[in-house]
Each structure stands twice: as structure tokens, then as C-alpha cells.
PDB file of N, CA and C in Angstrom:
ATOM      1  N   SER A   1       0.830  -1.187   0.000  1.00  0.00           N
ATOM      2  CA  SER A   1       0.000   0.000   0.000  1.00  0.00           C
ATOM      3  C   SER A   1       0.869   1.244   0.000  1.00  0.00           C
ATOM      4  N   ASP A   2       1.933   1.254   0.820  1.00  0.00           N
ATOM      5  CA  ASP A   2       2.811   2.417   0.894  1.00  0.00           C
ATOM      6  C   ASP A   2       3.551   2.631  -0.421  1.00  0.00           C
ATOM      7  N   ALA A   3       3.972   1.558  -1.044  1.00  0.00           N
ATOM      8  CA  ALA A   3       4.704   1.665  -2.307  1.00  0.00           C
ATOM      9  C   ALA A   3       3.801   2.238  -3.385  1.00  0.00           C
ATOM     10  N   THR A   4       2.539   1.803  -3.412  1.00  0.00           N
ATOM     11  CA  THR A   4       1.584   2.307  -4.396  1.00  0.00           C
ATOM     12  C   THR A   4       1.343   3.793  -4.174  1.00  0.00           C
ATOM     13  N   THR A   5       1.147   4.177  -2.921  1.00  0.00           N
ATOM     14  CA  THR A   5       0.905   5.583  -2.597  1.00  0.00           C
ATOM     15  C   THR A   5       2.097   6.426  -3.005  1.00  0.00           C
ATOM     16  N   ASP A   6       3.310   5.933  -2.710  1.00  0.00           N
ATOM     17  CA  ASP A   6       4.522   6.675  -3.081  1.00  0.00           C
ATOM     18  C   ASP A   6       4.615   6.823  -4.586  1.00  0.00           C
ATOM     19  N   THR A   7       4.291   5.756  -5.327  1.00  0.00           N
ATOM     20  CA  THR A   7       4.345   5.801  -6.785  1.00  0.00           C
ATOM     21  C   THR A   7       3.357   6.830  -7.319  1.00  0.00           C
ATOM     22  N   VAL A   8       2.169   6.833  -6.742  1.00  0.00           N
ATOM     23  CA  VAL A   8       1.154   7.784  -7.180  1.00  0.00           C
ATOM     24  C   VAL A   8       1.628   9.207  -6.921  1.00  0.00           C
ATOM     25  N   LYS A   9       2.232   9.418  -5.736  1.00  0.00           N
ATOM     26  CA  LYS A   9       2.731  10.760  -5.404  1.00  0.00           C
ATOM     27  C   LYS A   9       3.808  11.192  -6.393  1.00  0.00           C
ATOM     28  N   VAL A  10       4.734  10.293  -6.699  1.00  0.00           N
ATOM     29  CA  VAL A  10       5.812  10.618  -7.638  1.00  0.00           C
ATOM     30  C   VAL A  10       5.235  10.882  -9.020  1.00  0.00           C
ATOM     31  N   ASN A  11       4.345   9.987  -9.470  1.00  0.00           N
ATOM     32  CA  ASN A  11       3.734  10.168 -10.783  1.00  0.00           C
ATOM     33  C   ASN A  11       2.935  11.458 -10.830  1.00  0.00           C
ATOM     34  N   GLY A  12       2.202  11.740  -9.754  1.00  0.00           N
ATOM     35  CA  GLY A  12       1.416  12.963  -9.687  1.00  0.00           C
ATOM     36  C   GLY A  12       2.315  14.180  -9.766  1.00  0.00           C
ATOM     37  N   ALA A  13       3.426  14.159  -9.026  1.00  0.00           N
ATOM     38  CA  ALA A  13       4.358  15.285  -9.046  1.00  0.00           C
ATOM     39  C   ALA A  13       4.982  15.414 -10.425  1.00  0.00           C
ATOM     40  N   GLY A  14       5.313  14.280 -11.027  1.00  0.00           N
ATOM     41  CA  GLY A  14       5.884  14.310 -12.369  1.00  0.00           C
ATOM     42  C   GLY A  14       4.911  14.907 -13.367  1.00  0.00           C
ATOM     43  N   THR A  15       3.641  14.551 -13.230  1.00  0.00           N
ATOM     44  CA  THR A  15       2.608  15.089 -14.120  1.00  0.00           C
ATOM     45  C   THR A  15       2.480  16.591 -13.921  1.00  0.00           C
ATOM     46  N   LEU A  16       2.511  17.023 -12.662  1.00  0.00           N
ATOM     47  CA  LEU A  16       2.414  18.452 -12.373  1.00  0.00           C
ATOM     48  C   LEU A  16       3.587  19.202 -12.994  1.00  0.00           C
ATOM     49  N   LEU A  17       4.792  18.637 -12.858  1.00  0.00           N
ATOM     50  CA  LEU A  17       5.972  19.275 -13.445  1.00  0.00           C
ATOM     51  C   LEU A  17       5.860  19.321 -14.965  1.00  0.00           C
ATOM     52  N   ALA A  18       5.417  18.215 -15.550  1.00  0.00           N
ATOM     53  CA  ALA A  18       5.277  18.160 -17.005  1.00  0.00           C
ATOM     54  C   ALA A  18       4.224  19.160 -17.464  1.00  0.00           C
ATOM     55  N   ASP A  19       3.122  19.264 -16.714  1.00  0.00           N
ATOM     56  CA  ASP A  19       2.066  20.220 -17.060  1.00  0.00           C
ATOM     57  C   ASP A  19       2.589  21.647 -16.970  1.00  0.00           C
ATOM     58  N   ALA A  20       3.347  21.935 -15.913  1.00  0.00           N
ATOM     59  CA  ALA A  20       3.894  23.283 -15.738  1.00  0.00           C
ATOM     60  C   ALA A  20       4.862  23.608 -16.867  1.00  0.00           C
ATOM     61  N   ALA A  21       5.718  22.656 -17.210  1.00  0.00           N
ATOM     62  CA  ALA A  21       6.683  22.877 -18.290  1.00  0.00           C
ATOM     63  C   ALA A  21       5.953  23.033 -19.613  1.00  0.00           C
ATOM     64  N   GLY A  22       4.908  22.217 -19.811  1.00  0.00           N
ATOM     65  CA  GLY A  22       4.160  22.275 -21.066  1.00  0.00           C
ATOM     66  C   GLY A  22       3.392  23.573 -21.192  1.00  0.00           C
ATOM     67  N   ALA A  23       2.919  24.117 -20.084  1.00  0.00           N
ATOM     68  CA  ALA A  23       2.131  25.343 -20.123  1.00  0.00           C
ATOM     69  C   ALA A  23       2.979  26.504 -20.630  1.00  0.00           C
ATOM     70  N   GLU A  24       4.283  26.468 -20.302  1.00  0.00           N
ATOM     71  CA  GLU A  24       5.160  27.559 -20.730  1.00  0.00           C
ATOM     72  C   GLU A  24       5.373  27.546 -22.232  1.00  0.00           C
ATOM     73  N   GLN A  25       5.346  26.352 -22.821  1.00  0.00           N
ATOM     74  CA  GLN A  25       5.652  26.278 -24.252  1.00  0.00           C
ATOM     75  C   GLN A  25       4.507  25.652 -25.043  1.00  0.00           C
ATOM     76  N   THR A  26       3.272  26.077 -24.736  1.00  0.00           N
ATOM     77  CA  THR A  26       2.106  25.573 -25.463  1.00  0.00           C
ATOM     78  C   THR A  26       2.137  26.153 -26.868  1.00  0.00           C
ATOM     79  N   SER A  27       2.037  25.289 -27.835  1.00  0.00           N
ATOM     80  CA  SER A  27       2.102  25.745 -29.225  1.00  0.00           C
ATOM     81  C   SER A  27       0.775  26.361 -29.639  1.00  0.00           C
ATOM     82  N   PRO A  28       0.791  27.237 -30.638  1.00  0.00           N
ATOM     83  CA  PRO A  28      -0.469  27.799 -31.140  1.00  0.00           C
ATOM     84  C   PRO A  28      -1.423  26.705 -31.613  1.00  0.00           C
ATOM     85  N   LYS A  29      -0.859  25.634 -32.170  1.00  0.00           N
ATOM     86  CA  LYS A  29      -1.694  24.511 -32.624  1.00  0.00           C
ATOM     87  C   LYS A  29      -2.390  23.877 -31.425  1.00  0.00           C
ATOM     88  N   HIS A  30      -1.631  23.716 -30.327  1.00  0.00           N
ATOM     89  CA  HIS A  30      -2.190  23.126 -29.112  1.00  0.00           C
ATOM     90  C   HIS A  30      -3.249  24.066 -28.514  1.00  0.00           C
ATOM     91  N   GLN A  31      -2.958  25.356 -28.516  1.00  0.00           N
ATOM     92  CA  GLN A  31      -3.925  26.335 -28.000  1.00  0.00           C
ATOM     93  C   GLN A  31      -5.216  26.300 -28.818  1.00  0.00           C
ATOM     94  N   ALA A  32      -5.087  26.200 -30.118  1.00  0.00           N
ATOM     95  CA  ALA A  32      -6.265  26.146 -30.990  1.00  0.00           C
ATOM     96  C   ALA A  32      -7.075  24.882 -30.700  1.00  0.00           C
ATOM     97  N   ALA A  33      -6.379  23.775 -30.479  1.00  0.00           N
ATOM     98  CA  ALA A  33      -7.070  22.521 -30.180  1.00  0.00           C
ATOM     99  C   ALA A  33      -7.805  22.640 -28.845  1.00  0.00           C
ATOM    100  N   GLU A  34      -7.155  23.254 -27.842  1.00  0.00           N
ATOM    101  CA  GLU A  34      -7.819  23.454 -26.553  1.00  0.00           C
ATOM    102  C   GLU A  34      -9.038  24.350 -26.701  1.00  0.00           C
ATOM    103  N   GLU A  35      -8.894  25.409 -27.504  1.00  0.00           N
ATOM    104  CA  GLU A  35     -10.020  26.331 -27.726  1.00  0.00           C
ATOM    105  C   GLU A  35     -11.170  25.602 -28.415  1.00  0.00           C
ATOM    106  N   GLN A  36     -10.839  24.760 -29.391  1.00  0.00           N
ATOM    107  CA  GLN A  36     -11.869  23.964 -30.070  1.00  0.00           C
ATOM    108  C   GLN A  36     -12.578  23.057 -29.079  1.00  0.00           C
ATOM    109  N   LEU A  37     -11.797  22.433 -28.218  1.00  0.00           N
ATOM    110  CA  LEU A  37     -12.362  21.540 -27.211  1.00  0.00           C
ATOM    111  C   LEU A  37     -13.292  22.321 -26.279  1.00  0.00           C
ATOM    112  N   ARG A  38     -12.858  23.511 -25.833  1.00  0.00           N
ATOM    113  CA  ARG A  38     -13.702  24.335 -24.970  1.00  0.00           C
ATOM    114  C   ARG A  38     -14.998  24.714 -25.688  1.00  0.00           C
ATOM    115  N   CYS A  39     -14.878  25.057 -26.950  1.00  0.00           N
ATOM    116  CA  CYS A  39     -16.080  25.418 -27.726  1.00  0.00           C
ATOM    117  C   CYS A  39     -17.042  24.243 -27.818  1.00  0.00           C
ATOM    118  N   ARG A  40     -16.477  23.051 -28.080  1.00  0.00           N
ATOM    119  CA  ARG A  40     -17.338  21.857 -28.167  1.00  0.00           C
ATOM    120  C   ARG A  40     -17.999  21.578 -26.828  1.00  0.00           C
ATOM    121  N   GLU A  41     -17.250  21.734 -25.742  1.00  0.00           N
ATOM    122  CA  GLU A  41     -17.831  21.516 -24.416  1.00  0.00           C
ATOM    123  C   GLU A  41     -18.967  22.509 -24.164  1.00  0.00           C
ATOM    124  N   GLU A  42     -18.746  23.768 -24.545  1.00  0.00           N
ATOM    125  CA  GLU A  42     -19.792  24.784 -24.392  1.00  0.00           C
ATOM    126  C   GLU A  42     -21.022  24.416 -25.232  1.00  0.00           C
ATOM    127  N   GLU A  43     -20.788  23.949 -26.459  1.00  0.00           N
ATOM    128  CA  GLU A  43     -21.903  23.550 -27.329  1.00  0.00           C
ATOM    129  C   GLU A  43     -22.689  22.402 -26.698  1.00  0.00           C
ATOM    130  N   VAL A  44     -21.967  21.432 -26.148  1.00  0.00           N
ATOM    131  CA  VAL A  44     -22.625  20.295 -25.502  1.00  0.00           C
ATOM    132  C   VAL A  44     -23.444  20.777 -24.310  1.00  0.00           C
ATOM    133  N   LYS A  45     -22.850  21.656 -23.487  1.00  0.00           N
ATOM    134  CA  LYS A  45     -23.572  22.190 -22.331  1.00  0.00           C
ATOM    135  C   LYS A  45     -24.815  22.950 -22.782  1.00  0.00           C
ATOM    136  N   GLU A  46     -24.666  23.773 -23.807  1.00  0.00           N
ATOM    137  CA  GLU A  46     -25.806  24.559 -24.305  1.00  0.00           C
ATOM    138  C   GLU A  46     -26.892  23.631 -24.848  1.00  0.00           C
ATOM    139  N   LYS A  47     -26.479  22.583 -25.551  1.00  0.00           N
ATOM    140  CA  LYS A  47     -27.455  21.627 -26.084  1.00  0.00           C
ATOM    141  C   LYS A  47     -28.195  20.931 -24.941  1.00  0.00           C
ATOM    142  N   GLN A  48     -27.458  20.564 -23.892  1.00  0.00           N
ATOM    143  CA  GLN A  48     -28.086  19.925 -22.732  1.00  0.00           C
ATOM    144  C   GLN A  48     -29.080  20.881 -22.081  1.00  0.00           C
ATOM    145  N   LEU A  49     -28.677  22.139 -21.925  1.00  0.00           N
ATOM    146  CA  LEU A  49     -29.585  23.123 -21.329  1.00  0.00           C
ATOM    147  C   LEU A  49     -30.829  23.299 -22.189  1.00  0.00           C
ATOM    148  N   GLN A  50     -30.635  23.346 -23.497  1.00  0.00           N
ATOM    149  CA  GLN A  50     -31.774  23.495 -24.413  1.00  0.00           C
ATOM    150  C   GLN A  50     -32.720  22.302 -24.282  1.00  0.00           C
ATOM    151  N   GLN A  51     -32.154  21.098 -24.210  1.00  0.00           N
ATOM    152  CA  GLN A  51     -32.979  19.901 -24.053  1.00  0.00           C
ATOM    153  C   GLN A  51     -33.731  19.933 -22.729  1.00  0.00           C
ATOM    154  N   GLU A  52     -33.058  20.397 -21.675  1.00  0.00           N
ATOM    155  CA  GLU A  52     -33.728  20.504 -20.380  1.00  0.00           C
ATOM    156  C   GLU A  52     -34.873  21.513 -20.445  1.00  0.00           C
ATOM    157  N   ARG A  53     -34.634  22.653 -21.126  1.00  0.00           N
ATOM    158  CA  ARG A  53     -35.697  23.661 -21.265  1.00  0.00           C
ATOM    159  C   ARG A  53     -36.871  23.097 -22.058  1.00  0.00           C
ATOM    160  N   GLU A  54     -36.574  22.378 -23.122  1.00  0.00           N
ATOM    161  CA  GLU A  54     -37.637  21.790 -23.941  1.00  0.00           C
ATOM    162  C   GLU A  54     -38.425  20.755 -23.136  1.00  0.00           C
ATOM    163  N   GLU A  55     -37.708  19.942 -22.362  1.00  0.00           N
ATOM    164  CA  GLU A  55     -38.381  18.932 -21.546  1.00  0.00           C
ATOM    165  C   GLU A  55     -39.260  19.607 -20.495  1.00  0.00           C
ATOM    166  N   GLU A  56     -38.763  20.669 -19.888  1.00  0.00           N
ATOM    167  CA  GLU A  56     -39.548  21.413 -18.901  1.00  0.00           C
ATOM    168  C   GLU A  56     -40.802  22.003 -19.559  1.00  0.00           C
ATOM    169  N   GLU A  57     -40.650  22.520 -20.774  1.00  0.00           N
ATOM    170  CA  GLU A  57     -41.800  23.077 -21.497  1.00  0.00           C
ATOM    171  C   GLU A  57     -42.825  21.991 -21.789  1.00  0.00           C
ATOM    172  N   ARG A  58     -42.342  20.805 -22.189  1.00  0.00           N
ATOM    173  CA  ARG A  58     -43.268  19.681 -22.444  1.00  0.00           C
ATOM    174  C   ARG A  58     -44.009  19.304 -21.167  1.00  0.00           C
ATOM    175  N   ARG A  59     -43.290  19.247 -20.049  1.00  0.00           N
ATOM    176  CA  ARG A  59     -43.944  18.914 -18.776  1.00  0.00           C
ATOM    177  C   ARG A  59     -44.987  19.970 -18.409  1.00  0.00           C
ATOM    178  N   ARG A  60     -44.642  21.246 -18.621  1.00  0.00           N
ATOM    179  CA  ARG A  60     -45.566  22.329 -18.299  1.00  0.00           C
ATOM    180  C   ARG A  60     -46.826  22.225 -19.166  1.00  0.00           C
ATOM    181  N   GLN A  61     -46.628  22.000 -20.463  1.00  0.00           N
ATOM    182  CA  GLN A  61     -47.776  21.876 -21.370  1.00  0.00           C
ATOM    183  C   GLN A  61     -48.638  20.672 -21.003  1.00  0.00           C
ATOM    184  N   LYS A  62     -47.994  19.564 -20.642  1.00  0.00           N
ATOM    185  CA  LYS A  62     -48.738  18.364 -20.254  1.00  0.00           C
ATOM    186  C   LYS A  62     -49.561  18.643 -19.000  1.00  0.00           C
ATOM    187  N   ALA A  63     -48.953  19.351 -18.036  1.00  0.00           N
ATOM    188  CA  ALA A  63     -49.676  19.680 -16.799  1.00  0.00           C
ATOM    189  C   ALA A  63     -50.855  20.599 -17.102  1.00  0.00           C
ATOM    190  N   GLU A  64     -50.642  21.582 -17.976  1.00  0.00           N
ATOM    191  CA  GLU A  64     -51.743  22.479 -18.356  1.00  0.00           C
ATOM    192  C   GLU A  64     -52.868  21.707 -19.034  1.00  0.00           C
ATOM    193  N   GLU A  65     -52.511  20.794 -19.920  1.00  0.00           N
ATOM    194  CA  GLU A  65     -53.513  19.983 -20.617  1.00  0.00           C
ATOM    195  C   GLU A  65     -54.281  19.123 -19.615  1.00  0.00           C
ATOM    196  N   GLN A  66     -53.563  18.555 -18.655  1.00  0.00           N
ATOM    197  CA  GLN A  66     -54.199  17.730 -17.626  1.00  0.00           C
ATOM    198  C   GLN A  66     -55.196  18.571 -16.822  1.00  0.00           C
ATOM    199  N   GLN A  67     -54.792  19.778 -16.451  1.00  0.00           N
ATOM    200  CA  GLN A  67     -55.685  20.664 -15.696  1.00  0.00           C
ATOM    201  C   GLN A  67     -56.915  21.020 -16.529  1.00  0.00           C
ATOM    202  N   ARG A  68     -56.695  21.288 -17.823  1.00  0.00           N
ATOM    203  CA  ARG A  68     -57.812  21.631 -18.702  1.00  0.00           C
ATOM    204  C   ARG A  68     -58.797  20.473 -18.776  1.00  0.00           C
ATOM    205  N   LEU A  69     -58.289  19.252 -18.939  1.00  0.00           N
ATOM    206  CA  LEU A  69     -59.157  18.078 -19.009  1.00  0.00           C
ATOM    207  C   LEU A  69     -59.921  17.880 -17.704  1.00  0.00           C
ATOM    208  N   GLU A  70     -59.235  18.069 -16.582  1.00  0.00           N
ATOM    209  CA  GLU A  70     -59.909  17.920 -15.289  1.00  0.00           C
ATOM    210  C   GLU A  70     -61.010  18.971 -15.130  1.00  0.00           C
ATOM    211  N   ARG A  71     -60.726  20.200 -15.558  1.00  0.00           N
ATOM    212  CA  ARG A  71     -61.728  21.266 -15.496  1.00  0.00           C
ATOM    213  C   ARG A  71     -62.939  20.924 -16.358  1.00  0.00           C
ATOM    214  N   GLU A  72     -62.671  20.422 -17.572  1.00  0.00           N
ATOM    215  CA  GLU A  72     -63.770  20.040 -18.470  1.00  0.00           C
ATOM    216  C   GLU A  72     -64.610  18.920 -17.859  1.00  0.00           C
ATOM    217  N   ARG A  73     -63.944  17.938 -17.250  1.00  0.00           N
ATOM    218  CA  ARG A  73     -64.687  16.844 -16.613  1.00  0.00           C
ATOM    219  C   ARG A  73     -65.546  17.367 -15.464  1.00  0.00           C
ATOM    220  N   ALA A  74     -64.982  18.268 -14.674  1.00  0.00           N
ATOM    221  CA  ALA A  74     -65.738  18.828 -13.547  1.00  0.00           C
ATOM    222  C   ALA A  74     -66.939  19.626 -14.056  1.00  0.00           C
ATOM    223  N   GLU A  75     -66.736  20.403 -15.116  1.00  0.00           N
ATOM    224  CA  GLU A  75     -67.845  21.173 -15.687  1.00  0.00           C
ATOM    225  C   GLU A  75     -68.920  20.246 -16.238  1.00  0.00           C
ATOM    226  N   GLU A  76     -68.524  19.178 -16.905  1.00  0.00           N
ATOM    227  CA  GLU A  76     -69.480  18.207 -17.444  1.00  0.00           C
ATOM    228  C   GLU A  76     -70.254  17.544 -16.305  1.00  0.00           C
ATOM    229  N   GLN A  77     -69.543  17.220 -15.229  1.00  0.00           N
ATOM    230  CA  GLN A  77     -70.194  16.604 -14.068  1.00  0.00           C
ATOM    231  C   GLN A  77     -71.246  17.563 -13.495  1.00  0.00           C
ATOM    232  N   LEU A  78     -70.890  18.829 -13.355  1.00  0.00           N
ATOM    233  CA  LEU A  78     -71.847  19.826 -12.846  1.00  0.00           C
ATOM    234  C   LEU A  78     -73.055  19.948 -13.772  1.00  0.00           C
ATOM    235  N   ARG A  79     -72.779  19.958 -15.078  1.00  0.00           N
ATOM    236  CA  ARG A  79     -73.869  20.062 -16.049  1.00  0.00           C
ATOM    237  C   ARG A  79     -74.814  18.868 -15.919  1.00  0.00           C
ATOM    238  N   LEU A  80     -74.254  17.673 -15.809  1.00  0.00           N
ATOM    239  CA  LEU A  80     -75.079  16.469 -15.666  1.00  0.00           C
ATOM    240  C   LEU A  80     -75.903  16.510 -14.383  1.00  0.00           C
ATOM    241  N   GLU A  81     -75.272  16.962 -13.293  1.00  0.00           N
ATOM    242  CA  GLU A  81     -76.011  17.066 -12.031  1.00  0.00           C
ATOM    243  C   GLU A  81     -77.153  18.066 -12.166  1.00  0.00           C
ATOM    244  N   HIS A  82     -76.897  19.164 -12.869  1.00  0.00           N
ATOM    245  CA  HIS A  82     -77.944  20.169 -13.078  1.00  0.00           C
ATOM    246  C   HIS A  82     -79.100  19.580 -13.898  1.00  0.00           C
ATOM    247  N   VAL A  83     -78.748  18.848 -14.966  1.00  0.00           N
ATOM    248  CA  VAL A  83     -79.770  18.220 -15.810  1.00  0.00           C
ATOM    249  C   VAL A  83     -80.594  17.224 -14.986  1.00  0.00           C
ATOM    250  N   ARG A  84     -79.909  16.403 -14.192  1.00  0.00           N
ATOM    251  CA  ARG A  84     -80.627  15.415 -13.369  1.00  0.00           C
ATOM    252  C   ARG A  84     -81.556  16.106 -12.368  1.00  0.00           C
ATOM    253  N   ALA A  85     -81.071  17.187 -11.760  1.00  0.00           N
ATOM    254  CA  ALA A  85     -81.900  17.919 -10.791  1.00  0.00           C
ATOM    255  C   ALA A  85     -83.116  18.520 -11.490  1.00  0.00           C
ATOM    256  N   ALA A  86     -82.900  19.076 -12.688  1.00  0.00           N
ATOM    257  CA  ALA A  86     -84.012  19.670 -13.438  1.00  0.00           C
ATOM    258  C   ALA A  86     -85.022  18.588 -13.825  1.00  0.00           C
ATOM    259  N   GLU A  87     -84.531  17.424 -14.240  1.00  0.00           N
ATOM    260  CA  GLU A  87     -85.427  16.315 -14.596  1.00  0.00           C
ATOM    261  C   GLU A  87     -86.221  15.844 -13.376  1.00  0.00           C
ATOM    262  N   ALA A  88     -85.533  15.736 -12.236  1.00  0.00           N
ATOM    263  CA  ALA A  88     -86.218  15.305 -11.013  1.00  0.00           C
ATOM    264  C   ALA A  88     -87.285  16.329 -10.621  1.00  0.00           C
ATOM    265  N   GLN A  89     -86.957  17.599 -10.750  1.00  0.00           N
ATOM    266  CA  GLN A  89     -87.937  18.645 -10.417  1.00  0.00           C
ATOM    267  C   GLN A  89     -89.118  18.584 -11.376  1.00  0.00           C
ATOM    268  N   ALA A  90     -88.877  18.370 -12.665  1.00  0.00           N
ATOM    269  CA  ALA A  90     -89.960  18.276 -13.652  1.00  0.00           C
ATOM    270  C   ALA A  90     -90.854  17.070 -13.333  1.00  0.00           C
ATOM    271  N   ARG A  91     -90.240  15.940 -12.949  1.00  0.00           N
ATOM    272  CA  ARG A  91     -91.033  14.756 -12.580  1.00  0.00           C
ATOM    273  C   ARG A  91     -91.900  15.046 -11.357  1.00  0.00           C
ATOM    274  N   GLU A  92     -91.305  15.714 -10.372  1.00  0.00           N
ATOM    275  CA  GLU A  92     -92.053  16.044  -9.156  1.00  0.00           C
ATOM    276  C   GLU A  92     -93.220  16.986  -9.487  1.00  0.00           C
ATOM    277  N   GLU A  93     -92.957  17.990 -10.337  1.00  0.00           N
ATOM    278  CA  GLU A  93     -94.035  18.915 -10.727  1.00  0.00           C
ATOM    279  C   GLU A  93     -95.143  18.172 -11.479  1.00  0.00           C
ATOM    280  N   GLN A  94     -94.762  17.249 -12.364  1.00  0.00           N
ATOM    281  CA  GLN A  94     -95.733  16.455 -13.113  1.00  0.00           C
ATOM    282  C   GLN A  94     -96.571  15.613 -12.158  1.00  0.00           C
ATOM    283  N   ARG A  95     -95.893  14.991 -11.181  1.00  0.00           N
ATOM    284  CA  ARG A  95     -96.600  14.165 -10.197  1.00  0.00           C
ATOM    285  C   ARG A  95     -97.601  15.012  -9.411  1.00  0.00           C
ATOM    286  N   LEU A  96     -97.199  16.218  -9.020  1.00  0.00           N
ATOM    287  CA  LEU A  96     -98.094  17.107  -8.265  1.00  0.00           C
ATOM    288  C   LEU A  96     -99.293  17.550  -9.117  1.00  0.00           C
ATOM    289  N   ARG A  97     -99.021  17.831 -10.412  1.00  0.00           N
ATOM    290  CA  ARG A  97    -100.123  18.212 -11.313  1.00  0.00           C
ATOM    291  C   ARG A  97    -101.126  17.071 -11.454  1.00  0.00           C
ATOM    292  N   GLU A  98    -100.587  15.858 -11.663  1.00  0.00           N
ATOM    293  CA  GLU A  98    -101.469  14.690 -11.807  1.00  0.00           C
ATOM    294  C   GLU A  98    -102.265  14.451 -10.525  1.00  0.00           C
ATOM    295  N   LYS A  99    -101.632  14.645  -9.396  1.00  0.00           N
ATOM    296  CA  LYS A  99    -102.310  14.472  -8.115  1.00  0.00           C
ATOM    297  C   LYS A  99    -103.410  15.520  -7.968  1.00  0.00           C
ATOM    298  N   ALA A 100    -103.126  16.756  -8.354  1.00  0.00           N
ATOM    299  CA  ALA A 100    -104.122  17.828  -8.281  1.00  0.00           C
ATOM    300  C   ALA A 100    -105.285  17.555  -9.239  1.00  0.00           C
ATOM    301  N   GLU A 101    -104.965  17.074 -10.438  1.00  0.00           N
ATOM    302  CA  GLU A 101    -106.009  16.748 -11.416  1.00  0.00           C
ATOM    303  C   GLU A 101    -106.888  15.622 -10.876  1.00  0.00           C
ATOM    304  N   LEU A 102    -106.268  14.624 -10.291  1.00  0.00           N
ATOM    305  CA  LEU A 102    -107.006  13.496  -9.725  1.00  0.00           C
ATOM    306  C   LEU A 102    -107.926  13.994  -8.588  1.00  0.00           C
ATOM    307  N   ALA A 103    -107.384  14.892  -7.783  1.00  0.00           N
ATOM    308  CA  ALA A 103    -108.187  15.443  -6.679  1.00  0.00           C
ATOM    309  C   ALA A 103    -109.354  16.246  -7.227  1.00  0.00           C
ATOM    310  N   GLU A 104    -109.136  16.988  -8.314  1.00  0.00           N
ATOM    311  CA  GLU A 104    -110.217  17.761  -8.942  1.00  0.00           C
ATOM    312  C   GLU A 104    -111.317  16.833  -9.476  1.00  0.00           C
ATOM    313  N   CYS A 105    -110.857  15.754 -10.130  1.00  0.00           N
ATOM    314  CA  CYS A 105    -111.823  14.788 -10.689  1.00  0.00           C
ATOM    315  C   CYS A 105    -112.640  14.150  -9.573  1.00  0.00           C
ATOM    316  N   GLU A 106    -111.973  13.771  -8.503  1.00  0.00           N
ATOM    317  CA  GLU A 106    -112.683  13.152  -7.386  1.00  0.00           C
ATOM    318  C   GLU A 106    -113.655  14.142  -6.742  1.00  0.00           C
ATOM    319  N   ALA A 107    -113.248  15.403  -6.669  1.00  0.00           N
ATOM    320  CA  ALA A 107    -114.138  16.424  -6.085  1.00  0.00           C
ATOM    321  C   ALA A 107    -115.331  16.690  -6.977  1.00  0.00           C
ATOM    322  N   ALA A 108    -115.124  16.592  -8.296  1.00  0.00           N
ATOM    323  CA  ALA A 108    -116.213  16.844  -9.235  1.00  0.00           C
ATOM    324  C   ALA A 108    -117.235  15.712  -9.208  1.00  0.00           C
ATOM    325  N   GLU A 109    -116.850  14.525  -8.821  1.00  0.00           N
ATOM    326  CA  GLU A 109    -117.749  13.367  -8.820  1.00  0.00           C
ATOM    327  C   GLU A 109    -118.729  13.380  -7.732  1.00  0.00           C
TER     328      GLU A 109
END
């Protein structure tokens, strides 16, 4: 374990030294390649953000559609209840009229 750790430390230090030395003499070609890489990374990040925004918009639209459907169902339910109540009231009024007519006929006899 100690030997591995020491090797990693040496390799790490060597990498740091190589990076420091390389940074001083970075070629324009290397700089251009790094810039291209940064641009591609930015493009990837922007594409990911755009996809996230689009997905969020889809979720928002789906939620709005769901709310609209629920509202329509609730309105339809209210309408049906109103129709049923009106029908029940009409039946009750008809029953009362028939009862009154029957009472009139019996009184006339």
C-alpha cells in the first residue's frame, strides 16, 4: 500500500511538473485545439440546457392539458347534475299536477 501511494505521489508530481513545463511552451496549434475543445464543451452544455428547457416546457404543457381536461370533466359533471336535478324537479311537478287533477276529478264526482 505504501509503495503504491509513493508511486502515485511521484507520478502525480511528475505530471504536475510536465504540465507546468508544457504550459510555458504551449504551441499555437495546441492552443487552438484546446479552444476547439472548450467550444465543443460549451456547445454540448448549451445543447443539454436546451434539451432541459424543452423537456420542462413539455412537462408544463402536459400539466396544463391535464388541468384543462380535469376542469372540463368537472364542468361536465356539474352540467349532468344540473340536468338530473331539473329532470327530477320536472317529474315532481308532473306528479303534483297529476295528483291535483285526480283530486279535482274526485271532487267533481
